[in-house]
């Protein structure tokens, strides 16, 4: 899947750009994904994880 956290499935969200004249145009909020070598089933594997999952300790990094 494109631009999705592999652990929590956080995806992009849509919203509006709002100008000073209160004009609204569509925009996209993307999650802050980082590539990480993590231990999955005892094997190191490259996954894309959001920084919320990294910070909360849901990922065990492979060294």
N, C-alpha and C. Protein backbone atom coordinates (compact mmCIF):
# COMPACT_ATOMS: atom_id res chain seq x y z
N UNK A 1 0.83 -1.18 0.00
CA UNK A 1 0.00 0.00 0.00
C UNK A 1 0.88 1.25 0.00
N UNK A 2 0.41 2.27 -0.65
CA UNK A 2 1.20 3.47 -0.79
C UNK A 2 0.95 4.41 0.39
N UNK A 3 2.02 4.91 0.96
CA UNK A 3 2.01 5.91 2.02
C UNK A 3 1.09 5.55 3.18
N UNK A 4 1.36 4.36 3.74
CA UNK A 4 0.61 3.87 4.88
C UNK A 4 1.59 3.34 5.91
N UNK A 5 1.33 3.62 7.17
CA UNK A 5 2.14 3.05 8.25
C UNK A 5 1.88 1.55 8.30
N UNK A 6 2.96 0.75 8.35
CA UNK A 6 2.80 -0.70 8.34
C UNK A 6 2.26 -1.24 9.65
N UNK A 7 2.34 -0.48 10.73
CA UNK A 7 1.86 -0.97 12.02
C UNK A 7 0.44 -0.52 12.33
N UNK A 8 0.19 0.78 12.26
CA UNK A 8 -1.12 1.30 12.69
C UNK A 8 -2.03 1.64 11.52
N UNK A 9 -1.57 1.45 10.30
CA UNK A 9 -2.37 1.70 9.08
C UNK A 9 -2.81 3.16 8.96
N UNK A 10 -2.02 4.07 9.51
CA UNK A 10 -2.34 5.50 9.35
C UNK A 10 -2.12 5.87 7.88
N UNK A 11 -3.11 6.54 7.29
CA UNK A 11 -3.05 6.92 5.88
C UNK A 11 -3.12 8.42 5.74
N UNK A 12 -3.12 8.87 4.48
CA UNK A 12 -3.25 10.30 4.25
C UNK A 12 -4.68 10.74 4.50
N UNK A 13 -4.83 11.97 4.96
CA UNK A 13 -6.14 12.54 5.21
C UNK A 13 -6.32 13.75 4.31
N UNK A 14 -7.56 14.04 3.98
CA UNK A 14 -7.82 15.20 3.13
C UNK A 14 -8.47 16.30 3.94
N UNK A 15 -8.26 17.52 3.47
CA UNK A 15 -8.82 18.68 4.13
C UNK A 15 -8.83 19.85 3.17
N UNK A 16 -8.83 21.05 3.73
CA UNK A 16 -8.89 22.25 2.90
C UNK A 16 -7.75 23.19 3.22
N UNK A 17 -7.19 23.83 2.18
CA UNK A 17 -6.40 25.03 2.36
C UNK A 17 -7.39 26.17 2.49
N UNK A 18 -7.22 27.02 3.47
CA UNK A 18 -8.12 28.15 3.65
C UNK A 18 -7.30 29.43 3.57
N UNK A 19 -7.62 30.29 2.59
CA UNK A 19 -6.88 31.53 2.40
C UNK A 19 -7.44 32.62 3.30
N UNK A 20 -6.78 33.77 3.30
CA UNK A 20 -7.27 34.90 4.08
C UNK A 20 -8.62 35.38 3.57
N UNK A 21 -8.88 35.16 2.27
CA UNK A 21 -10.18 35.53 1.71
C UNK A 21 -11.21 34.42 1.91
N UNK A 22 -10.84 33.41 2.73
CA UNK A 22 -11.71 32.27 3.06
C UNK A 22 -12.05 31.42 1.85
N UNK A 23 -11.15 31.44 0.82
CA UNK A 23 -11.30 30.51 -0.30
C UNK A 23 -10.81 29.15 0.16
N UNK A 24 -11.50 28.10 -0.26
CA UNK A 24 -11.13 26.75 0.17
C UNK A 24 -10.77 25.90 -1.03
N UNK A 25 -9.59 25.29 -0.99
CA UNK A 25 -9.16 24.33 -2.00
C UNK A 25 -8.72 23.06 -1.29
N UNK A 26 -8.88 21.95 -1.96
CA UNK A 26 -8.54 20.67 -1.35
C UNK A 26 -7.03 20.52 -1.16
N UNK A 27 -6.64 19.84 -0.07
CA UNK A 27 -5.24 19.54 0.20
C UNK A 27 -5.17 18.19 0.89
N UNK A 28 -3.93 17.69 1.07
CA UNK A 28 -3.71 16.37 1.65
C UNK A 28 -2.75 16.49 2.82
N UNK A 29 -3.08 15.86 3.94
CA UNK A 29 -2.18 15.74 5.08
C UNK A 29 -1.57 14.35 5.04
N UNK A 30 -0.24 14.26 4.94
CA UNK A 30 0.43 12.96 4.87
C UNK A 30 1.07 12.63 6.21
N UNK A 31 1.05 11.36 6.61
CA UNK A 31 1.72 10.98 7.86
C UNK A 31 3.23 11.04 7.69
N UNK A 32 3.92 11.26 8.80
CA UNK A 32 5.38 11.35 8.79
C UNK A 32 5.93 9.93 8.88
N UNK A 33 6.19 9.31 7.72
CA UNK A 33 6.67 7.93 7.66
C UNK A 33 8.18 7.89 7.56
N UNK A 34 8.78 6.95 8.30
CA UNK A 34 10.23 6.77 8.29
C UNK A 34 10.53 5.31 7.95
N UNK A 35 11.52 5.08 7.07
CA UNK A 35 11.93 3.70 6.82
C UNK A 35 12.77 3.19 8.00
N UNK A 36 12.45 1.99 8.49
CA UNK A 36 13.10 1.44 9.67
C UNK A 36 13.39 -0.03 9.43
N UNK A 37 14.57 -0.47 9.88
CA UNK A 37 14.85 -1.91 9.93
C UNK A 37 14.36 -2.41 11.28
N UNK A 38 13.32 -3.22 11.26
CA UNK A 38 12.70 -3.69 12.49
C UNK A 38 12.73 -5.21 12.54
N UNK A 39 12.70 -5.73 13.75
CA UNK A 39 12.62 -7.18 13.94
C UNK A 39 11.16 -7.61 13.83
N UNK A 40 10.88 -8.43 12.83
CA UNK A 40 9.54 -8.97 12.64
C UNK A 40 9.68 -10.48 12.55
N UNK A 41 9.06 -11.18 13.50
CA UNK A 41 9.18 -12.64 13.63
C UNK A 41 10.63 -13.06 13.75
N UNK A 42 11.44 -12.25 14.45
CA UNK A 42 12.85 -12.58 14.68
C UNK A 42 13.77 -12.26 13.52
N UNK A 43 13.24 -11.76 12.42
CA UNK A 43 14.05 -11.44 11.24
C UNK A 43 14.02 -9.93 11.00
N UNK A 44 15.18 -9.33 10.66
CA UNK A 44 15.16 -7.90 10.32
C UNK A 44 14.47 -7.67 8.98
N UNK A 45 13.60 -6.68 8.96
CA UNK A 45 12.84 -6.38 7.74
C UNK A 45 12.67 -4.87 7.64
N UNK A 46 12.66 -4.36 6.41
CA UNK A 46 12.48 -2.93 6.21
C UNK A 46 11.00 -2.61 6.13
N UNK A 47 10.54 -1.71 7.01
CA UNK A 47 9.14 -1.31 7.01
C UNK A 47 9.07 0.21 7.07
N UNK A 48 7.92 0.75 6.70
CA UNK A 48 7.67 2.19 6.81
C UNK A 48 6.73 2.42 7.96
N UNK A 49 7.20 3.21 8.94
CA UNK A 49 6.47 3.37 10.19
C UNK A 49 6.31 4.86 10.45
N UNK A 50 5.14 5.25 11.00
CA UNK A 50 4.94 6.64 11.36
C UNK A 50 5.71 6.95 12.64
N UNK A 51 6.01 8.20 12.87
CA UNK A 51 6.82 8.60 14.01
C UNK A 51 6.07 8.39 15.32
N UNK A 52 4.76 8.37 15.32
CA UNK A 52 3.99 8.09 16.53
C UNK A 52 4.28 6.66 17.01
N UNK A 53 4.33 5.71 16.08
CA UNK A 53 4.62 4.32 16.44
C UNK A 53 6.07 4.18 16.91
N UNK A 54 6.99 4.90 16.26
CA UNK A 54 8.40 4.85 16.68
C UNK A 54 8.55 5.38 18.09
N UNK A 55 7.92 6.50 18.37
CA UNK A 55 8.08 7.17 19.65
C UNK A 55 7.43 6.38 20.79
N UNK A 56 6.33 5.70 20.50
CA UNK A 56 5.62 4.97 21.55
C UNK A 56 6.22 3.60 21.83
N UNK A 57 7.21 3.19 21.06
CA UNK A 57 7.89 1.92 21.32
C UNK A 57 7.22 0.70 20.73
N UNK A 58 6.40 0.88 19.71
CA UNK A 58 5.75 -0.27 19.07
C UNK A 58 6.69 -1.01 18.14
N UNK A 59 7.87 -0.43 17.87
CA UNK A 59 8.83 -1.01 16.93
C UNK A 59 10.08 -1.42 17.70
N UNK A 60 10.52 -2.66 17.47
CA UNK A 60 11.81 -3.08 18.02
C UNK A 60 12.80 -3.03 16.86
N UNK A 61 13.74 -2.08 16.93
CA UNK A 61 14.69 -1.88 15.86
C UNK A 61 15.69 -3.02 15.79
N UNK A 62 16.10 -3.37 14.56
CA UNK A 62 17.15 -4.35 14.34
C UNK A 62 18.48 -3.62 14.24
N UNK A 63 19.45 -4.10 14.96
CA UNK A 63 20.75 -3.43 14.95
C UNK A 63 21.74 -4.16 14.11
